[in-house]
Amino acid sequence: MSPPDRKEDQVRRLLEGPRPVVPAGLAASAAARGDRLLRRRRTLRRVGWALLAAAAVAFAVWASLTRPWEVPPSGVSPPLEGW
C-alpha cells in the first residue's frame, strides 16, 4: 500500500465515523465575531484614508510655504565693477 492510499483510507474512516456535536451558540458567536472584524477593518480603512488625506494637505501647505522648486538666493554677492 502506498502512502497516498493510507491517507485516503484514514480520511474515509474519519468521514464515515460519528460526527461531533456542535455547540448551540456557535453560529451566532461566529457571526458576531465576523461583524466585529468587519467593523474593525472598516474603521482602520477610514482612519488610514483620513491620515493619508491629512498628510497630503500638510505636504501641500508645506510646499506652498517653502516653495522647494525655487532656487534659493545665493549667499555670495556678485563682484562690484565700475567704481
Protein backbone atom coordinates (compact mmCIF):
# COMPACT_ATOMS: atom_id res chain seq x y z
CA MET A 1 0.00 0.00 0.00
CA SER A 2 1.46 3.36 -0.98
CA PRO A 3 1.32 6.44 1.32
CA PRO A 4 -1.46 8.30 -0.58
CA ASP A 5 -3.77 5.25 -0.26
CA ARG A 6 -3.14 5.07 3.51
CA LYS A 7 -4.06 8.72 3.93
CA GLU A 8 -7.15 8.29 1.79
CA ASP A 9 -8.25 5.37 3.96
CA GLN A 10 -7.75 7.43 7.12
CA VAL A 11 -9.85 10.25 5.71
CA ARG A 12 -12.61 7.85 4.67
CA ARG A 13 -12.69 6.33 8.18
CA LEU A 14 -12.92 9.81 9.73
CA LEU A 15 -15.77 10.83 7.43
CA GLU A 16 -17.72 7.60 7.99
CA GLY A 17 -17.43 7.81 11.78
CA PRO A 18 -19.70 9.68 14.19
CA ARG A 19 -19.73 13.43 13.86
CA PRO A 20 -19.03 15.63 16.89
CA VAL A 21 -21.82 17.68 18.46
CA VAL A 22 -21.68 21.36 17.52
CA PRO A 23 -22.28 23.85 20.36
CA ALA A 24 -25.64 25.63 20.20
CA GLY A 25 -24.35 29.23 20.00
CA LEU A 26 -21.50 28.58 17.60
CA ALA A 27 -23.13 30.16 14.54
CA ALA A 28 -24.25 33.25 16.47
CA SER A 29 -20.83 33.77 18.04
CA ALA A 30 -19.11 33.28 14.68
CA ALA A 31 -21.43 35.86 13.09
CA ALA A 32 -20.78 38.31 15.93
CA ARG A 33 -17.03 37.83 15.59
CA GLY A 34 -17.29 38.38 11.84
CA ASP A 35 -19.23 41.60 12.39
CA ARG A 36 -16.57 42.84 14.82
CA LEU A 37 -13.80 42.04 12.35
CA LEU A 38 -15.62 43.84 9.53
CA ARG A 39 -16.25 46.91 11.70
CA ARG A 40 -12.58 46.95 12.76
CA ARG A 41 -11.36 46.68 9.16
CA ARG A 42 -13.76 49.41 8.04
CA THR A 43 -12.61 51.70 10.86
CA LEU A 44 -8.93 51.07 10.13
CA ARG A 45 -9.50 51.74 6.44
CA ARG A 46 -11.26 55.03 7.20
CA VAL A 47 -8.53 56.09 9.63
CA GLY A 48 -5.89 55.23 7.05
CA TRP A 49 -7.59 57.30 4.36
CA ALA A 50 -8.01 60.19 6.80
CA LEU A 51 -4.30 60.05 7.69
CA LEU A 52 -3.36 59.94 4.02
CA ALA A 53 -5.55 62.97 3.29
CA ALA A 54 -4.09 64.86 6.27
CA ALA A 55 -0.56 64.05 5.07
CA ALA A 56 -1.41 65.29 1.56
CA VAL A 57 -2.83 68.55 2.95
CA ALA A 58 0.19 69.00 5.23
CA PHE A 59 2.54 68.43 2.28
CA ALA A 60 0.64 70.91 0.13
CA VAL A 61 0.78 73.56 2.86
CA TRP A 62 4.49 72.95 3.45
CA ALA A 63 5.24 73.09 -0.27
CA SER A 64 3.28 76.32 -0.73
CA LEU A 65 5.11 77.99 2.17
CA THR A 66 8.69 76.86 1.47
CA ARG A 67 8.48 76.61 -2.34
CA PRO A 68 11.15 73.91 -2.71
CA TRP A 69 11.07 74.22 -6.51
CA GLU A 70 12.55 77.73 -6.44
CA VAL A 71 16.32 78.27 -6.47
CA PRO A 72 17.47 79.62 -3.09
CA PRO A 73 19.14 83.04 -3.09
CA SER A 74 22.90 83.00 -3.39
CA GLY A 75 24.90 83.72 -0.25
CA VAL A 76 27.70 85.39 -2.24
CA SER A 77 27.21 88.83 -3.76
CA PRO A 78 28.42 89.48 -7.32
CA PRO A 79 31.66 91.39 -7.73
CA LEU A 80 31.33 95.17 -7.94
CA GLU A 81 32.81 96.59 -11.12
CA GLY A 82 32.97 100.11 -12.46
CA TRP A 83 33.92 102.00 -9.25
